[in-house]
Protein backbone atom coordinates (compact mmCIF):
# COMPACT_ATOMS: atom_id res chain seq x y z
CA MET A 1 0.00 0.00 0.00
CA LYS A 2 1.33 3.47 -0.81
CA GLN A 3 2.30 5.45 2.28
CA GLU A 4 0.75 8.92 2.10
CA GLU A 5 1.69 10.26 5.49
CA VAL A 6 4.97 10.64 7.38
CA ASN A 7 4.71 9.38 10.95
CA ASP A 8 6.15 12.03 13.25
CA LYS A 9 6.67 9.71 16.21
CA SER A 10 8.54 7.22 14.05
CA ARG A 11 10.74 10.02 12.78
CA ARG A 12 11.63 11.11 16.30
CA ASP A 13 12.35 7.51 17.36
CA PHE A 14 14.42 6.98 14.22
CA LEU A 15 16.59 10.02 14.87
CA LYS A 16 16.92 9.28 18.58
CA THR A 17 18.10 5.74 17.86
CA ALA A 18 20.58 7.11 15.35
CA ALA A 19 21.92 9.55 17.93
CA LEU A 20 22.41 6.70 20.39
CA ALA A 21 24.38 4.87 17.74
CA THR A 22 26.69 7.87 17.52
CA VAL A 23 27.31 7.73 21.28
CA ALA A 24 28.08 4.04 21.01
CA ALA A 25 30.39 4.58 18.06
CA THR A 26 32.62 6.80 20.18
CA ALA A 27 33.47 3.90 22.44
CA CYS A 28 33.63 1.36 19.66
CA GLY A 29 35.69 3.44 17.24
CA SER A 30 33.55 2.40 14.26
CA LEU A 31 29.95 1.43 13.67
CA ALA A 32 31.19 -1.58 11.75
CA CYS A 33 34.20 -2.52 13.84
CA SER A 34 33.18 -6.13 14.44
CA CYS A 35 30.13 -6.80 12.28
CA ASN A 36 30.29 -8.31 8.82
CA SER A 37 26.88 -9.96 8.64
CA LYS A 38 23.81 -8.43 7.05
CA LYS A 39 21.69 -9.03 10.14
CA ALA A 40 22.69 -8.16 13.69
CA PRO A 41 22.30 -11.04 16.15
CA VAL A 42 20.23 -10.67 19.32
CA SER A 43 22.56 -9.97 22.21
CA ASP A 44 22.70 -8.48 25.71
CA LYS A 45 21.01 -5.20 26.55
CA VAL A 46 23.17 -2.21 27.40
CA LYS A 47 22.26 1.12 28.97
CA LEU A 48 23.21 4.42 27.34
CA LEU A 49 22.57 8.07 28.06
CA SER A 50 20.34 9.63 25.39
CA PRO A 51 20.74 13.21 24.09
CA THR A 52 17.79 14.21 26.30
CA GLY A 53 19.42 12.88 29.45
CA GLU A 54 17.36 9.69 29.65
CA ILE A 55 18.82 6.26 30.42
CA VAL A 56 17.71 3.89 27.68
CA GLU A 57 18.34 0.23 26.91
CA ILE A 58 19.28 -1.01 23.46
CA ASP A 59 20.53 -4.30 22.05
CA SER A 60 24.33 -4.34 22.20
CA ALA A 61 24.48 -5.96 18.76
CA TYR A 62 23.42 -2.66 17.23
CA LEU A 63 26.46 -0.89 18.61
CA ASN A 64 28.55 -2.45 15.85
CA HIS A 65 25.92 -2.80 13.17
CA GLU A 66 26.64 -0.93 9.96
CA GLU A 67 23.15 -0.83 8.43
CA HIS A 68 20.19 1.36 9.36
CA MET A 69 22.21 4.09 11.01
CA ALA A 70 21.03 7.61 10.13
CA ILE A 71 23.98 9.33 11.78
CA VAL A 72 27.21 8.70 9.93
CA SER A 73 30.67 10.17 10.22
CA LYS A 74 31.41 13.53 8.62
CA LEU A 75 33.64 11.75 6.10
CA GLU A 76 30.86 9.35 5.10
CA ALA A 77 28.41 12.23 4.86
CA ARG A 78 30.75 14.03 2.47
CA GLU A 79 31.61 11.00 0.32
CA GLY A 80 28.06 9.72 -0.12
CA ILE A 81 26.67 6.23 -0.60
CA ALA A 82 29.06 4.07 -2.60
CA GLY A 83 27.88 2.86 -5.99
CA LYS A 84 24.80 5.10 -6.09
CA LYS A 85 23.88 7.99 -8.37
CA PHE A 86 20.55 9.38 -7.24
CA VAL A 87 18.13 10.97 -9.66
CA MET A 88 14.58 12.32 -9.58
CA VAL A 89 11.91 12.55 -12.28
CA VAL A 90 8.85 14.82 -11.94
CA ASP A 91 5.77 14.03 -14.04
CA LEU A 92 4.10 17.38 -14.70
CA ALA A 93 1.07 15.71 -16.27
CA LYS A 94 0.10 14.28 -12.88
CA CYS A 95 0.55 17.34 -10.65
CA LYS A 96 -2.55 19.15 -9.38
CA ASN A 97 -0.97 21.25 -6.61
CA ALA A 98 -2.13 18.88 -3.86
CA ARG A 99 0.87 20.12 -1.81
CA SER A 100 1.14 16.84 0.10
CA CYS A 101 4.78 16.75 -0.98
CA VAL A 102 5.46 20.15 0.60
CA SER A 103 3.81 19.20 3.89
CA ALA A 104 5.65 15.87 4.07
CA CYS A 105 9.00 17.54 3.44
CA GLN A 106 8.40 20.14 6.14
CA LYS A 107 7.28 17.53 8.63
CA TRP A 108 10.22 15.21 8.00
CA HIS A 109 12.75 18.02 8.42
CA TYR A 110 10.90 19.82 11.24
CA ARG A 111 10.60 23.00 9.22
CA PRO A 112 7.91 25.64 9.83
CA LYS A 113 5.02 26.14 7.42
CA GLU A 114 6.56 29.25 5.89
CA THR A 115 9.83 27.47 5.05
CA GLU A 116 9.53 25.43 1.88
CA TRP A 117 12.43 23.42 0.53
CA LEU A 118 10.04 22.11 -2.08
CA THR A 119 7.69 24.62 -3.71
CA VAL A 120 4.94 24.26 -6.30
CA LYS A 121 5.06 26.99 -8.94
CA LEU A 122 2.60 27.83 -11.70
CA LEU A 123 4.26 28.19 -15.10
CA GLN A 124 3.00 29.25 -18.50
CA ASP A 125 5.29 28.79 -21.49
CA SER A 126 3.55 31.46 -23.60
CA ASP A 127 0.45 33.66 -23.50
CA LYS A 128 -1.31 31.16 -25.76
CA ALA A 129 -0.40 28.10 -23.70
CA ALA A 130 -2.25 26.82 -20.64
CA PRO A 131 -0.48 27.17 -17.27
CA TYR A 132 0.64 24.08 -15.39
CA TRP A 133 1.82 23.17 -11.90
CA PHE A 134 5.59 22.86 -11.51
CA PRO A 135 7.16 21.36 -8.35
CA LYS A 136 10.65 22.77 -7.80
CA GLN A 137 13.36 21.82 -5.32
CA CYS A 138 17.16 21.71 -5.30
CA PHE A 139 18.34 20.16 -8.57
CA HIS A 140 21.52 18.59 -7.12
CA CYS A 141 23.46 19.69 -10.17
CA ASP A 142 26.48 17.77 -11.42
CA ASN A 143 28.07 21.16 -12.16
CA PRO A 144 26.81 23.14 -9.16
CA PRO A 145 27.62 26.87 -9.02
CA CYS A 146 26.82 26.89 -5.29
CA VAL A 147 29.71 24.56 -4.51
CA LYS A 148 32.20 26.67 -6.44
CA VAL A 149 31.47 29.89 -4.56
CA CYS A 150 31.32 28.57 -0.98
CA PRO A 151 34.39 29.98 0.80
CA VAL A 152 34.39 27.41 3.62
CA ASP A 153 33.48 24.19 1.80
CA ALA A 154 30.12 24.02 3.61
CA THR A 155 28.28 23.19 0.39
CA TYR A 156 29.66 20.13 -1.35
CA LYS A 157 28.91 17.59 -4.07
CA ARG A 158 28.99 13.88 -3.18
CA GLN A 159 29.90 10.91 -5.35
CA ASP A 160 26.28 9.71 -5.25
CA GLY A 161 25.08 12.90 -6.95
CA ILE A 162 23.67 14.65 -3.89
CA VAL A 163 24.61 18.22 -2.99
CA LEU A 164 24.56 18.83 0.77
CA ILE A 165 25.17 21.68 3.19
CA ASP A 166 27.15 21.21 6.40
CA SER A 167 25.62 23.70 8.85
CA ASP A 168 28.58 23.22 11.19
CA ARG A 169 30.74 24.86 8.52
CA CYS A 170 28.24 27.35 7.09
CA ILE A 171 29.03 30.97 8.00
CA GLY A 172 25.84 32.41 6.50
CA CYS A 173 27.54 34.47 3.78
CA LYS A 174 24.77 33.55 1.29
CA PHE A 175 27.21 33.32 -1.64
CA CYS A 176 25.62 29.99 -2.56
CA MET A 177 22.15 31.56 -2.61
CA ALA A 178 23.36 34.24 -5.00
CA ALA A 179 25.07 31.67 -7.22
CA CYS A 180 22.10 29.27 -7.48
CA PRO A 181 20.22 30.12 -10.70
CA TYR A 182 17.14 28.24 -9.47
CA SER A 183 16.63 30.10 -6.16
CA THR A 184 16.08 26.87 -4.26
CA ARG A 185 17.91 27.79 -1.05
CA VAL A 186 16.51 29.42 2.06
CA PHE A 187 18.18 31.21 4.97
CA ASN A 188 17.50 30.65 8.65
CA TRP A 189 17.03 34.21 9.86
CA ASP A 190 15.58 33.20 13.22
CA GLU A 191 16.36 30.56 15.80
CA PRO A 192 14.38 27.46 14.71
CA GLU A 193 11.54 26.51 17.03
CA LEU A 194 12.31 22.90 17.88
CA SER A 195 11.29 20.63 20.73
CA LEU A 196 14.03 19.87 23.22
CA ASP A 197 14.47 16.25 22.09
CA ILE A 198 15.05 17.36 18.49
CA LYS A 199 17.24 20.32 19.44
CA ASN A 200 19.53 18.03 21.45
CA LEU A 201 20.06 15.49 18.70
CA ALA A 202 23.55 15.05 17.26
CA TYR A 203 23.72 17.09 14.05
CA SER A 204 24.45 15.43 10.71
CA PRO A 205 24.51 17.00 7.21
CA GLU A 206 22.55 13.95 6.04
CA THR A 207 19.56 14.78 8.23
CA GLY A 208 19.95 18.55 8.46
CA ILE A 209 18.62 18.28 12.00
CA PRO A 210 18.65 20.27 14.16
CA ALA A 211 18.49 23.38 11.97
CA LYS A 212 20.71 26.30 12.99
CA VAL A 213 20.10 30.04 12.90
CA GLY A 214 22.28 32.02 10.49
CA THR A 215 22.78 29.14 8.04
CA VAL A 216 21.53 28.19 4.59
CA GLU A 217 19.40 25.10 3.96
CA LYS A 218 17.64 23.37 1.07
CA CYS A 219 16.22 20.11 -0.28
CA ASP A 220 18.73 17.35 0.44
CA PHE A 221 17.17 14.35 -1.40
CA CYS A 222 16.84 12.78 2.09
CA PRO A 223 20.08 10.72 2.08
CA ASP A 224 19.30 9.42 5.59
CA ARG A 225 16.28 7.63 4.09
CA ALA A 226 18.25 6.55 1.02
CA ARG A 227 20.66 4.69 3.32
CA GLU A 228 17.63 2.79 4.60
CA GLY A 229 16.46 1.97 1.07
CA LEU A 230 13.45 4.27 1.51
CA LEU A 231 11.94 6.89 -0.78
CA PRO A 232 11.97 10.59 0.18
CA PRO A 233 8.81 11.72 2.03
CA CYS A 234 7.75 13.93 -0.89
CA VAL A 235 7.66 10.87 -3.14
CA GLU A 236 5.74 8.74 -0.65
CA ALA A 237 3.24 11.46 0.24
CA CYS A 238 2.20 12.48 -3.29
CA PRO A 239 -1.27 10.99 -3.93
CA ASN A 240 -0.81 11.06 -7.69
CA GLY A 241 2.66 9.55 -8.17
CA VAL A 242 4.19 12.77 -9.50
CA PHE A 243 7.71 12.12 -8.18
CA TYR A 244 9.99 9.24 -9.19
CA PHE A 245 13.22 8.71 -7.28
CA GLY A 246 15.96 6.17 -7.77
CA ASP A 247 19.46 5.21 -8.80
CA GLU A 248 20.73 6.12 -12.26
CA ASN A 249 23.43 3.45 -12.00
CA GLU A 250 20.73 0.78 -11.55
CA ASP A 251 18.54 2.55 -14.14
CA THR A 252 15.47 2.31 -11.91
CA VAL A 253 13.18 4.93 -10.40
CA SER A 254 10.00 4.54 -8.36
CA ASN A 255 7.09 6.75 -7.35
CA GLY A 256 5.92 4.30 -4.69
CA LEU A 257 3.28 2.88 -7.01
CA GLU A 258 5.48 1.56 -9.80
CA THR A 259 9.16 0.99 -10.50
CA VAL A 260 10.33 1.71 -14.02
CA SER A 261 13.46 2.13 -16.10
CA PHE A 262 14.85 5.64 -15.73
CA THR A 263 16.29 5.84 -19.25
CA GLN A 264 13.16 4.37 -20.84
CA LEU A 265 10.90 6.78 -18.95
CA ILE A 266 12.93 9.78 -20.07
CA LYS A 267 13.08 8.49 -23.64
CA ASP A 268 9.40 7.59 -23.98
CA ARG A 269 8.11 10.77 -22.34
CA SER A 270 10.63 13.26 -23.76
CA GLY A 271 12.10 14.09 -20.37
CA TYR A 272 14.08 17.30 -20.01
CA ARG A 273 16.05 19.26 -17.42
CA PHE A 274 14.96 22.74 -16.31
CA MET A 275 17.12 25.57 -17.70
CA GLU A 276 19.59 23.01 -18.98
CA ASP A 277 21.25 25.61 -21.20
CA LEU A 278 22.96 26.99 -18.08
CA GLY A 279 25.27 23.98 -18.07
CA THR A 280 24.56 23.07 -14.45
CA LYS A 281 23.56 19.49 -15.37
CA PRO A 282 20.65 19.03 -12.93
CA ARG A 283 19.84 15.59 -11.52
CA VAL A 284 16.11 16.35 -11.62
CA TYR A 285 14.26 15.61 -14.87
CA TYR A 286 10.78 16.71 -15.90
CA LEU A 287 8.20 14.95 -18.02
CA PRO A 288 6.20 17.51 -20.08
CA PRO A 289 2.63 18.37 -18.97
CA LYS A 290 1.06 16.60 -21.92
CA ASP A 291 -2.38 14.93 -21.56
CA ARG A 292 -2.73 16.27 -18.04
CA GLU A 293 -4.73 14.17 -15.62
CA PHE A 294 -6.19 17.18 -13.78
CA PRO A 295 -7.41 20.60 -14.92
CA VAL A 296 -5.03 23.28 -13.68
CA GLU A 297 -7.95 25.25 -12.18
CA LYS A 298 -8.58 22.43 -9.69
CA GLY A 299 -5.28 23.00 -7.93
CA TYR A 300 -6.17 26.66 -7.52
CA GLN A 301 -9.76 26.23 -6.39
CA ASP A 302 -8.81 23.74 -3.67
CA ALA A 303 -6.00 25.90 -2.25
CA ASP A 304 -6.35 28.13 0.81
CA SER A 305 -6.37 31.91 0.47
CA ALA A 306 -2.66 32.31 1.25
CA ILE A 307 -1.68 29.92 -1.54
CA LYS A 308 -4.15 31.52 -3.97
CA GLU A 309 -2.50 34.86 -3.35
CA ARG A 310 0.76 33.49 -4.80
CA PHE A 311 -0.93 32.96 -8.14
CA LYS A 312 -2.83 36.24 -8.42
CA ASP A 313 -1.15 36.99 -11.75
CA PHE A 314 -2.94 33.92 -13.14
CA LYS A 315 -6.23 34.65 -11.39
CA ASP A 316 -8.23 35.49 -14.50
CA ILE A 317 -7.16 32.27 -16.22
CA LEU A 318 -7.65 30.07 -13.16
CA GLU A 319 -11.08 31.45 -12.32
CA ALA A 320 -12.36 31.44 -15.89
CA LYS A 321 -13.77 27.93 -15.62
CA GLU A 322 -15.09 28.13 -12.05
């Protein structure tokens, strides 16, 4: 069954367990120091101090287990997941501005409603063409201008195709925001409002949690979930299967409903990359809004007043068929 909702409690438990693994790794020296098997054996329980000051019990076998650990070393976070080359495909024919993807992203990363790493735009290619909904997030370019201008190496490109930001390094100069031609980055002007258990978690560039005031952030392709073999929340939450995510090296992408060949999908549907003439080589592809499954007006009519205000320039077109 397709998962349409991100479970907040599971997310908190997931991150807390990962933080405990980091504590354990300090004593062990490596998360994989004595484990070569795929499955950790059941062993004795050990007590550890959690980031919130609680004494918790976990299976000692997991102290050395390499899989299913969200918190990784800074080196691993910079190198990426070996053998992978992540890619996303967005089917514009299926998008109706449901905004489930936006909500899921914000919930997973504990971001406030006004902070959108993933936005849904309304585009119109010419005055004679019909407008269409256009989800836009970081494009994780293979030739990223943001990486080139960062003076402290806070923004970096990994071998698996993902571009990340290390908030521990970020000095808030905003050079990367100025360099990004897609305007997909946001700045933390205020101290993030986080619960104490989230605020006290060990920070990792792969989770982006906890967020820090005075730093830049953006869509990260959710590498912490990719290490678990899971799809990003935006992909899982979309009720219409708009987003496909996968590994270009394996030539497979999935929207949670179906798994298809990446190259065949792009070939059959004339996939393209947004503003490709810039030479940034984005890792996000779009399928043209041909034979759309939903009328564009529907996504406007069902939106709240604040969202409608964003599209006031298209108001006459969007209200014409009401």
